[in-house]
Amino acid sequence: LVDSIFIGQLGRDPLAALGFTVPMQQLIIGLQVGL
């Protein structure tokens, strides 16, 4: 959440770029949790 707050101060485009990583992050977490 703190990451999001700091990145949000950089503007809309960095925040959108972060948003597009969320599904990929969940994919990696899925591998971790399954194992």
Full PDB file with SEQRES, HELIX, SHEET, SSBOND, CRYST1, ORIGX, SCALE, CONECT and MASTER records, all heavy atoms in Angstrom:
SEQRES   1 A   35  LEU VAL ASP SER ILE PHE ILE GLY GLN LEU GLY ARG ASP          
SEQRES   2 A   35  PRO LEU ALA ALA LEU GLY PHE THR VAL PRO MET GLN GLN          
SEQRES   3 A   35  LEU ILE ILE GLY LEU GLN VAL GLY LEU                          
HELIX    1 AA1 VAL A    2  GLY A    8  1                                   7    
HELIX    2 AA2 ARG A   12  GLY A   34  1                                  23    
CRYST1    1.000    1.000    1.000  90.00  90.00  90.00 P 1           1          
ORIGX1      1.000000  0.000000  0.000000        0.00000                         
ORIGX2      0.000000  1.000000  0.000000        0.00000                         
ORIGX3      0.000000  0.000000  1.000000        0.00000                         
SCALE1      1.000000  0.000000  0.000000        0.00000                         
SCALE2      0.000000  1.000000  0.000000        0.00000                         
SCALE3      0.000000  0.000000  1.000000        0.00000                         
ATOM      1  N   LEU A   1       0.826  -1.197   0.000  1.00  0.00           N  
ATOM      2  CA  LEU A   1       0.000   0.000   0.000  1.00  0.00           C  
ATOM      3  C   LEU A   1       0.868   1.257   0.000  1.00  0.00           C  
ATOM      4  O   LEU A   1       0.579   2.230  -0.702  1.00  0.00           O  
ATOM      5  CB  LEU A   1      -0.920   0.008   1.222  1.00  0.00           C  
ATOM      6  CG  LEU A   1      -2.127  -0.935   1.167  1.00  0.00           C  
ATOM      7  CD1 LEU A   1      -2.896  -0.861   2.477  1.00  0.00           C  
ATOM      8  CD2 LEU A   1      -3.035  -0.588   0.006  1.00  0.00           C  
ATOM      9  N   VAL A   2       1.936   1.237   0.792  1.00  0.00           N  
ATOM     10  CA  VAL A   2       2.845   2.390   0.818  1.00  0.00           C  
ATOM     11  C   VAL A   2       3.495   2.583  -0.546  1.00  0.00           C  
ATOM     12  O   VAL A   2       3.642   3.718  -1.027  1.00  0.00           O  
ATOM     13  CB  VAL A   2       3.904   2.210   1.922  1.00  0.00           C  
ATOM     14  CG1 VAL A   2       4.954   3.313   1.843  1.00  0.00           C  
ATOM     15  CG2 VAL A   2       3.251   2.209   3.299  1.00  0.00           C  
ATOM     16  N   ASP A   3       3.870   1.473  -1.191  1.00  0.00           N  
ATOM     17  CA  ASP A   3       4.370   1.535  -2.565  1.00  0.00           C  
ATOM     18  C   ASP A   3       3.393   2.290  -3.458  1.00  0.00           C  
ATOM     19  O   ASP A   3       3.778   3.163  -4.241  1.00  0.00           O  
ATOM     20  CB  ASP A   3       4.565   0.117  -3.125  1.00  0.00           C  
ATOM     21  CG  ASP A   3       5.997  -0.366  -3.002  1.00  0.00           C  
ATOM     22  OD1 ASP A   3       6.844   0.416  -2.515  1.00  0.00           O  
ATOM     23  OD2 ASP A   3       6.277  -1.511  -3.384  1.00  0.00           O  
ATOM     24  N   SER A   4       2.116   1.928  -3.356  1.00  0.00           N  
ATOM     25  CA  SER A   4       1.093   2.552  -4.198  1.00  0.00           C  
ATOM     26  C   SER A   4       0.974   4.043  -3.918  1.00  0.00           C  
ATOM     27  O   SER A   4       0.779   4.843  -4.842  1.00  0.00           O  
ATOM     28  CB  SER A   4      -0.260   1.864  -3.967  1.00  0.00           C  
ATOM     29  OG  SER A   4      -0.210   0.506  -4.326  1.00  0.00           O  
ATOM     30  N   ILE A   5       1.085   4.419  -2.642  1.00  0.00           N  
ATOM     31  CA  ILE A   5       0.991   5.841  -2.287  1.00  0.00           C  
ATOM     32  C   ILE A   5       2.144   6.616  -2.914  1.00  0.00           C  
ATOM     33  O   ILE A   5       1.939   7.680  -3.535  1.00  0.00           O  
ATOM     34  CB  ILE A   5       0.981   6.014  -0.760  1.00  0.00           C  
ATOM     35  CG1 ILE A   5      -0.303   5.437  -0.163  1.00  0.00           C  
ATOM     36  CG2 ILE A   5       1.117   7.488  -0.390  1.00  0.00           C  
ATOM     37  CD1 ILE A   5      -0.333   5.435   1.349  1.00  0.00           C  
ATOM     38  N   PHE A   6       3.379   6.100  -2.772  1.00  0.00           N  
ATOM     39  CA  PHE A   6       4.529   6.795  -3.341  1.00  0.00           C  
ATOM     40  C   PHE A   6       4.440   6.860  -4.863  1.00  0.00           C  
ATOM     41  O   PHE A   6       4.701   7.901  -5.475  1.00  0.00           O  
ATOM     42  CB  PHE A   6       5.827   6.102  -2.924  1.00  0.00           C  
ATOM     43  CG  PHE A   6       6.233   6.367  -1.504  1.00  0.00           C  
ATOM     44  CD1 PHE A   6       6.516   5.324  -0.641  1.00  0.00           C  
ATOM     45  CD2 PHE A   6       6.334   7.665  -1.025  1.00  0.00           C  
ATOM     46  CE1 PHE A   6       6.886   5.561   0.675  1.00  0.00           C  
ATOM     47  CE2 PHE A   6       6.707   7.922   0.289  1.00  0.00           C  
ATOM     48  CZ  PHE A   6       6.983   6.864   1.138  1.00  0.00           C  
ATOM     49  N   ILE A   7       4.073   5.722  -5.487  1.00  0.00           N  
ATOM     50  CA  ILE A   7       3.991   5.681  -6.947  1.00  0.00           C  
ATOM     51  C   ILE A   7       2.863   6.584  -7.443  1.00  0.00           C  
ATOM     52  O   ILE A   7       2.962   7.209  -8.511  1.00  0.00           O  
ATOM     53  CB  ILE A   7       3.794   4.228  -7.430  1.00  0.00           C  
ATOM     54  CG1 ILE A   7       5.067   3.419  -7.147  1.00  0.00           C  
ATOM     55  CG2 ILE A   7       3.478   4.179  -8.933  1.00  0.00           C  
ATOM     56  CD1 ILE A   7       4.905   1.926  -7.347  1.00  0.00           C  
ATOM     57  N   GLY A   8       1.775   6.675  -6.648  1.00  0.00           N  
ATOM     58  CA  GLY A   8       0.671   7.553  -7.024  1.00  0.00           C  
ATOM     59  C   GLY A   8       1.088   9.009  -7.133  1.00  0.00           C  
ATOM     60  O   GLY A   8       0.502   9.774  -7.915  1.00  0.00           O  
ATOM     61  N   GLN A   9       2.138   9.406  -6.386  1.00  0.00           N  
ATOM     62  CA  GLN A   9       2.623  10.783  -6.460  1.00  0.00           C  
ATOM     63  C   GLN A   9       3.403  11.043  -7.746  1.00  0.00           C  
ATOM     64  O   GLN A   9       3.657  12.202  -8.095  1.00  0.00           O  
ATOM     65  CB  GLN A   9       3.513  11.094  -5.249  1.00  0.00           C  
ATOM     66  CG  GLN A   9       2.875  10.816  -3.897  1.00  0.00           C  
ATOM     67  CD  GLN A   9       1.470  11.367  -3.759  1.00  0.00           C  
ATOM     68  OE1 GLN A   9       1.244  12.553  -3.978  1.00  0.00           O  
ATOM     69  NE2 GLN A   9       0.516  10.510  -3.395  1.00  0.00           N  
ATOM     70  N   LEU A  10       3.785   9.988  -8.461  1.00  0.00           N  
ATOM     71  CA  LEU A  10       4.515  10.154  -9.717  1.00  0.00           C  
ATOM     72  C   LEU A  10       3.591  10.479 -10.882  1.00  0.00           C  
ATOM     73  O   LEU A  10       4.051  10.885 -11.943  1.00  0.00           O  
ATOM     74  CB  LEU A  10       5.319   8.880 -10.036  1.00  0.00           C  
ATOM     75  CG  LEU A  10       6.428   8.498  -9.053  1.00  0.00           C  
ATOM     76  CD1 LEU A  10       7.017   7.137  -9.427  1.00  0.00           C  
ATOM     77  CD2 LEU A  10       7.525   9.565  -9.040  1.00  0.00           C  
ATOM     78  N   GLY A  11       2.270  10.242 -10.703  1.00  0.00           N  
ATOM     79  CA  GLY A  11       1.334  10.541 -11.779  1.00  0.00           C  
ATOM     80  C   GLY A  11       0.504   9.331 -12.172  1.00  0.00           C  
ATOM     81  O   GLY A  11       0.655   8.227 -11.630  1.00  0.00           O  
ATOM     82  N   ARG A  12      -0.367   9.544 -13.150  1.00  0.00           N  
ATOM     83  CA  ARG A  12      -1.307   8.505 -13.546  1.00  0.00           C  
ATOM     84  C   ARG A  12      -0.633   7.372 -14.319  1.00  0.00           C  
ATOM     85  O   ARG A  12      -0.949   6.203 -14.115  1.00  0.00           O  
ATOM     86  CB  ARG A  12      -2.427   9.115 -14.411  1.00  0.00           C  
ATOM     87  CG  ARG A  12      -3.517   8.135 -14.760  1.00  0.00           C  
ATOM     88  CD  ARG A  12      -4.668   8.801 -15.486  1.00  0.00           C  
ATOM     89  NE  ARG A  12      -4.262   9.296 -16.802  1.00  0.00           N  
ATOM     90  CZ  ARG A  12      -5.079   9.942 -17.641  1.00  0.00           C  
ATOM     91  NH1 ARG A  12      -6.313  10.199 -17.273  1.00  0.00           N  
ATOM     92  NH2 ARG A  12      -4.649  10.344 -18.813  1.00  0.00           N  
ATOM     93  N   ASP A  13       0.298   7.680 -15.222  1.00  0.00           N  
ATOM     94  CA  ASP A  13       0.910   6.640 -16.048  1.00  0.00           C  
ATOM     95  C   ASP A  13       1.712   5.627 -15.226  1.00  0.00           C  
ATOM     96  O   ASP A  13       1.572   4.412 -15.433  1.00  0.00           O  
ATOM     97  CB  ASP A  13       1.784   7.268 -17.132  1.00  0.00           C  
ATOM     98  CG  ASP A  13       0.956   7.882 -18.267  1.00  0.00           C  
ATOM     99  OD1 ASP A  13      -0.278   7.664 -18.262  1.00  0.00           O  
ATOM    100  OD2 ASP A  13       1.525   8.568 -19.127  1.00  0.00           O  
ATOM    101  N   PRO A  14       2.581   6.069 -14.288  1.00  0.00           N  
ATOM    102  CA  PRO A  14       3.264   5.074 -13.444  1.00  0.00           C  
ATOM    103  C   PRO A  14       2.283   4.219 -12.643  1.00  0.00           C  
ATOM    104  O   PRO A  14       2.507   3.018 -12.464  1.00  0.00           O  
ATOM    105  CB  PRO A  14       4.128   5.928 -12.520  1.00  0.00           C  
ATOM    106  CG  PRO A  14       4.368   7.186 -13.286  1.00  0.00           C  
ATOM    107  CD  PRO A  14       3.088   7.426 -14.031  1.00  0.00           C  
ATOM    108  N   LEU A  15       1.194   4.824 -12.169  1.00  0.00           N  
ATOM    109  CA  LEU A  15       0.200   4.072 -11.411  1.00  0.00           C  
ATOM    110  C   LEU A  15      -0.500   3.047 -12.306  1.00  0.00           C  
ATOM    111  O   LEU A  15      -0.774   1.916 -11.892  1.00  0.00           O  
ATOM    112  CB  LEU A  15      -0.826   5.036 -10.821  1.00  0.00           C  
ATOM    113  CG  LEU A  15      -1.626   4.556  -9.602  1.00  0.00           C  
ATOM    114  CD1 LEU A  15      -0.691   4.130  -8.478  1.00  0.00           C  
ATOM    115  CD2 LEU A  15      -2.557   5.663  -9.133  1.00  0.00           C  
ATOM    116  N   ALA A  16      -0.780   3.426 -13.548  1.00  0.00           N  
ATOM    117  CA  ALA A  16      -1.389   2.488 -14.503  1.00  0.00           C  
ATOM    118  C   ALA A  16      -0.423   1.353 -14.833  1.00  0.00           C  
ATOM    119  O   ALA A  16      -0.821   0.190 -14.935  1.00  0.00           O  
ATOM    120  CB  ALA A  16      -1.800   3.225 -15.770  1.00  0.00           C  
ATOM    121  N   ALA A  17       0.870   1.685 -15.009  1.00  0.00           N  
ATOM    122  CA  ALA A  17       1.878   0.651 -15.276  1.00  0.00           C  
ATOM    123  C   ALA A  17       1.941  -0.347 -14.124  1.00  0.00           C  
ATOM    124  O   ALA A  17       2.067  -1.562 -14.330  1.00  0.00           O  
ATOM    125  CB  ALA A  17       3.249   1.302 -15.490  1.00  0.00           C  
ATOM    126  N   LEU A  18       1.839   0.167 -12.901  1.00  0.00           N  
ATOM    127  CA  LEU A  18       1.798  -0.707 -11.728  1.00  0.00           C  
ATOM    128  C   LEU A  18       0.554  -1.584 -11.753  1.00  0.00           C  
ATOM    129  O   LEU A  18       0.606  -2.776 -11.431  1.00  0.00           O  
ATOM    130  CB  LEU A  18       1.824   0.141 -10.459  1.00  0.00           C  
ATOM    131  CG  LEU A  18       1.776  -0.610  -9.125  1.00  0.00           C  
ATOM    132  CD1 LEU A  18       3.056  -1.409  -8.921  1.00  0.00           C  
ATOM    133  CD2 LEU A  18       1.574   0.368  -7.973  1.00  0.00           C  
ATOM    134  N   GLY A  19      -0.582  -1.016 -12.167  1.00  0.00           N  
ATOM    135  CA  GLY A  19      -1.834  -1.765 -12.229  1.00  0.00           C  
ATOM    136  C   GLY A  19      -1.760  -2.946 -13.181  1.00  0.00           C  
ATOM    137  O   GLY A  19      -2.337  -4.003 -12.920  1.00  0.00           O  
ATOM    138  N   PHE A  20      -1.010  -2.783 -14.279  1.00  0.00           N  
ATOM    139  CA  PHE A  20      -0.891  -3.872 -15.246  1.00  0.00           C  
ATOM    140  C   PHE A  20      -0.005  -5.010 -14.746  1.00  0.00           C  
ATOM    141  O   PHE A  20       0.010  -6.094 -15.339  1.00  0.00           O  
ATOM    142  CB  PHE A  20      -0.345  -3.343 -16.582  1.00  0.00           C  
ATOM    143  CG  PHE A  20      -1.391  -2.694 -17.440  1.00  0.00           C  
ATOM    144  CD1 PHE A  20      -1.372  -1.335 -17.670  1.00  0.00           C  
ATOM    145  CD2 PHE A  20      -2.404  -3.446 -18.009  1.00  0.00           C  
ATOM    146  CE1 PHE A  20      -2.338  -0.725 -18.456  1.00  0.00           C  
ATOM    147  CE2 PHE A  20      -3.377  -2.855 -18.807  1.00  0.00           C  
ATOM    148  CZ  PHE A  20      -3.344  -1.492 -19.029  1.00  0.00           C  
ATOM    149  N   THR A  21       0.754  -4.775 -13.676  1.00  0.00           N  
ATOM    150  CA  THR A  21       1.573  -5.857 -13.124  1.00  0.00           C  
ATOM    151  C   THR A  21       0.801  -6.718 -12.131  1.00  0.00           C  
ATOM    152  O   THR A  21       1.262  -7.798 -11.769  1.00  0.00           O  
ATOM    153  CB  THR A  21       2.821  -5.300 -12.394  1.00  0.00           C  
ATOM    154  OG1 THR A  21       2.404  -4.569 -11.237  1.00  0.00           O  
ATOM    155  CG2 THR A  21       3.628  -4.396 -13.306  1.00  0.00           C  
ATOM    156  N   VAL A  22      -0.374  -6.241 -11.669  1.00  0.00           N  
ATOM    157  CA  VAL A  22      -1.114  -6.964 -10.632  1.00  0.00           C  
ATOM    158  C   VAL A  22      -1.456  -8.394 -11.048  1.00  0.00           C  
ATOM    159  O   VAL A  22      -1.215  -9.345 -10.289  1.00  0.00           O  
ATOM    160  CB  VAL A  22      -2.384  -6.186 -10.226  1.00  0.00           C  
ATOM    161  CG1 VAL A  22      -3.286  -7.034  -9.334  1.00  0.00           C  
ATOM    162  CG2 VAL A  22      -2.000  -4.901  -9.486  1.00  0.00           C  
ATOM    163  N   PRO A  23      -2.005  -8.632 -12.272  1.00  0.00           N  
ATOM    164  CA  PRO A  23      -2.293 -10.026 -12.659  1.00  0.00           C  
ATOM    165  C   PRO A  23      -1.041 -10.896 -12.709  1.00  0.00           C  
ATOM    166  O   PRO A  23      -1.078 -12.073 -12.344  1.00  0.00           O  
ATOM    167  CB  PRO A  23      -2.922  -9.883 -14.053  1.00  0.00           C  
ATOM    168  CG  PRO A  23      -3.427  -8.486 -14.106  1.00  0.00           C  
ATOM    169  CD  PRO A  23      -2.474  -7.682 -13.294  1.00  0.00           C  
ATOM    170  N   MET A  24       0.092 -10.314 -13.148  1.00  0.00           N  
ATOM    171  CA  MET A  24       1.332 -11.087 -13.213  1.00  0.00           C  
ATOM    172  C   MET A  24       1.844 -11.409 -11.810  1.00  0.00           C  
ATOM    173  O   MET A  24       2.360 -12.498 -11.550  1.00  0.00           O  
ATOM    174  CB  MET A  24       2.413 -10.300 -13.979  1.00  0.00           C  
ATOM    175  CG  MET A  24       2.008  -9.874 -15.379  1.00  0.00           C  
ATOM    176  SD  MET A  24       1.516 -11.272 -16.414  1.00  0.00           S  
ATOM    177  CE  MET A  24      -0.257 -11.067 -16.440  1.00  0.00           C  
ATOM    178  N   GLN A  25       1.662 -10.457 -10.902  1.00  0.00           N  
ATOM    179  CA  GLN A  25       2.068 -10.694  -9.518  1.00  0.00           C  
ATOM    180  C   GLN A  25       1.246 -11.821  -8.910  1.00  0.00           C  
ATOM    181  O   GLN A  25       1.770 -12.670  -8.179  1.00  0.00           O  
ATOM    182  CB  GLN A  25       1.901  -9.408  -8.713  1.00  0.00           C  
ATOM    183  CG  GLN A  25       2.419  -9.500  -7.282  1.00  0.00           C  
ATOM    184  CD  GLN A  25       2.305  -8.186  -6.547  1.00  0.00           C  
ATOM    185  OE1 GLN A  25       1.647  -7.256  -7.012  1.00  0.00           O  
ATOM    186  NE2 GLN A  25       2.942  -8.088  -5.395  1.00  0.00           N  
ATOM    187  N   GLN A  26      -0.043 -11.851  -9.215  1.00  0.00           N  
ATOM    188  CA  GLN A  26      -0.900 -12.918  -8.703  1.00  0.00           C  
ATOM    189  C   GLN A  26      -0.500 -14.268  -9.286  1.00  0.00           C  
ATOM    190  O   GLN A  26      -0.612 -15.299  -8.620  1.00  0.00           O  
ATOM    191  CB  GLN A  26      -2.361 -12.600  -9.015  1.00  0.00           C  
ATOM    192  CG  GLN A  26      -2.916 -11.445  -8.212  1.00  0.00           C  
ATOM    193  CD  GLN A  26      -4.350 -11.120  -8.566  1.00  0.00           C  
ATOM    194  OE1 GLN A  26      -4.778 -11.279  -9.699  1.00  0.00           O  
ATOM    195  NE2 GLN A  26      -5.115 -10.662  -7.589  1.00  0.00           N  
ATOM    196  N   LEU A  27      -0.033 -14.270 -10.523  1.00  0.00           N  
ATOM    197  CA  LEU A  27       0.440 -15.504 -11.151  1.00  0.00           C  
ATOM    198  C   LEU A  27       1.638 -16.066 -10.396  1.00  0.00           C  
ATOM    199  O   LEU A  27       1.709 -17.262 -10.092  1.00  0.00           O  
ATOM    200  CB  LEU A  27       0.805 -15.227 -12.614  1.00  0.00           C  
ATOM    201  CG  LEU A  27       1.207 -16.417 -13.480  1.00  0.00           C  
ATOM    202  CD1 LEU A  27       0.021 -17.337 -13.726  1.00  0.00           C  
ATOM    203  CD2 LEU A  27       1.780 -15.941 -14.809  1.00  0.00           C  
ATOM    204  N   ILE A  28       2.573 -15.198 -10.068  1.00  0.00           N  
ATOM    205  CA  ILE A  28       3.774 -15.623  -9.339  1.00  0.00           C  
ATOM    206  C   ILE A  28       3.408 -16.084  -7.930  1.00  0.00           C  
ATOM    207  O   ILE A  28       3.917 -17.096  -7.433  1.00  0.00           O  
ATOM    208  CB  ILE A  28       4.792 -14.465  -9.297  1.00  0.00           C  
ATOM    209  CG1 ILE A  28       5.240 -14.108 -10.716  1.00  0.00           C  
ATOM    210  CG2 ILE A  28       6.009 -14.841  -8.444  1.00  0.00           C  
ATOM    211  CD1 ILE A  28       5.878 -12.744 -10.831  1.00  0.00           C  
ATOM    212  N   ILE A  29       2.512 -15.347  -7.286  1.00  0.00           N  
ATOM    213  CA  ILE A  29       2.069 -15.737  -5.944  1.00  0.00           C  
ATOM    214  C   ILE A  29       1.369 -17.089  -5.981  1.00  0.00           C  
ATOM    215  O   ILE A  29       1.508 -17.912  -5.068  1.00  0.00           O  
ATOM    216  CB  ILE A  29       1.141 -14.653  -5.353  1.00  0.00           C  
ATOM    217  CG1 ILE A  29       1.959 -13.399  -5.043  1.00  0.00           C  
ATOM    218  CG2 ILE A  29       0.438 -15.151  -4.097  1.00  0.00           C  
ATOM    219  CD1 ILE A  29       1.129 -12.208  -4.618  1.00  0.00           C  
ATOM    220  N   GLY A  30       0.603 -17.340  -7.064  1.00  0.00           N  
ATOM    221  CA  GLY A  30      -0.059 -18.633  -7.207  1.00  0.00           C  
ATOM    222  C   GLY A  30       0.933 -19.783  -7.219  1.00  0.00           C  
ATOM    223  O   GLY A  30       0.710 -20.825  -6.581  1.00  0.00           O  
ATOM    224  N   LEU A  31       2.040 -19.619  -7.928  1.00  0.00           N  
ATOM    225  CA  LEU A  31       3.096 -20.637  -7.948  1.00  0.00           C  
ATOM    226  C   LEU A  31       3.672 -20.830  -6.550  1.00  0.00           C  
ATOM    227  O   LEU A  31       3.833 -21.959  -6.072  1.00  0.00           O  
ATOM    228  CB  LEU A  31       4.193 -20.214  -8.924  1.00  0.00           C  
ATOM    229  CG  LEU A  31       5.485 -21.035  -8.907  1.00  0.00           C  
ATOM    230  CD1 LEU A  31       5.220 -22.465  -9.364  1.00  0.00           C  
ATOM    231  CD2 LEU A  31       6.553 -20.388  -9.770  1.00  0.00           C  
ATOM    232  N   GLN A  32       3.959 -19.728  -5.870  1.00  0.00           N  
ATOM    233  CA  GLN A  32       4.547 -19.810  -4.535  1.00  0.00           C  
ATOM    234  C   GLN A  32       3.626 -20.530  -3.558  1.00  0.00           C  
ATOM    235  O   GLN A  32       4.057 -21.431  -2.830  1.00  0.00           O  
ATOM    236  CB  GLN A  32       4.818 -18.395  -4.012  1.00  0.00           C  
ATOM    237  CG  GLN A  32       5.863 -17.620  -4.761  1.00  0.00           C  
ATOM    238  CD  GLN A  32       5.978 -16.188  -4.281  1.00  0.00           C  
ATOM    239  OE1 GLN A  32       6.552 -15.335  -4.938  1.00  0.00           O  
ATOM    240  NE2 GLN A  32       5.423 -15.904  -3.126  1.00  0.00           N  
ATOM    241  N   VAL A  33       2.358 -20.120  -3.547  1.00  0.00           N  
ATOM    242  CA  VAL A  33       1.425 -20.678  -2.567  1.00  0.00           C  
ATOM    243  C   VAL A  33       1.129 -22.139  -2.863  1.00  0.00           C  
ATOM    244  O   VAL A  33       1.026 -22.971  -1.946  1.00  0.00           O  
ATOM    245  CB  VAL A  33       0.117 -19.849  -2.543  1.00  0.00           C  
ATOM    246  CG1 VAL A  33      -0.919 -20.495  -1.634  1.00  0.00           C  
ATOM    247  CG2 VAL A  33       0.404 -18.428  -2.086  1.00  0.00           C  
ATOM    248  N   GLY A  34       0.998 -22.493  -4.149  1.00  0.00           N  
ATOM    249  CA  GLY A  34       0.758 -23.886  -4.503  1.00  0.00           C  
ATOM    250  C   GLY A  34       1.870 -24.795  -4.013  1.00  0.00           C  
ATOM    251  O   GLY A  34       1.621 -25.859  -3.427  1.00  0.00           O  
ATOM    252  N   LEU A  35       3.108 -24.368  -4.233  1.00  0.00           N  
ATOM    253  CA  LEU A  35       4.239 -25.161  -3.751  1.00  0.00           C  
ATOM    254  C   LEU A  35       4.315 -25.115  -2.227  1.00  0.00           C  
ATOM    255  O   LEU A  35       4.689 -26.106  -1.581  1.00  0.00           O  
ATOM    256  CB  LEU A  35       5.540 -24.637  -4.355  1.00  0.00           C  
ATOM    257  CG  LEU A  35       6.810 -25.434  -4.057  1.00  0.00           C  
ATOM    258  CD1 LEU A  35       6.649 -26.902  -4.442  1.00  0.00           C  
ATOM    259  CD2 LEU A  35       8.012 -24.826  -4.776  1.00  0.00           C  
TER     260      LEU A  35                                                      
MASTER        0    0    0    2    0    0    0    6  259    1    0    3          
END                                                                             
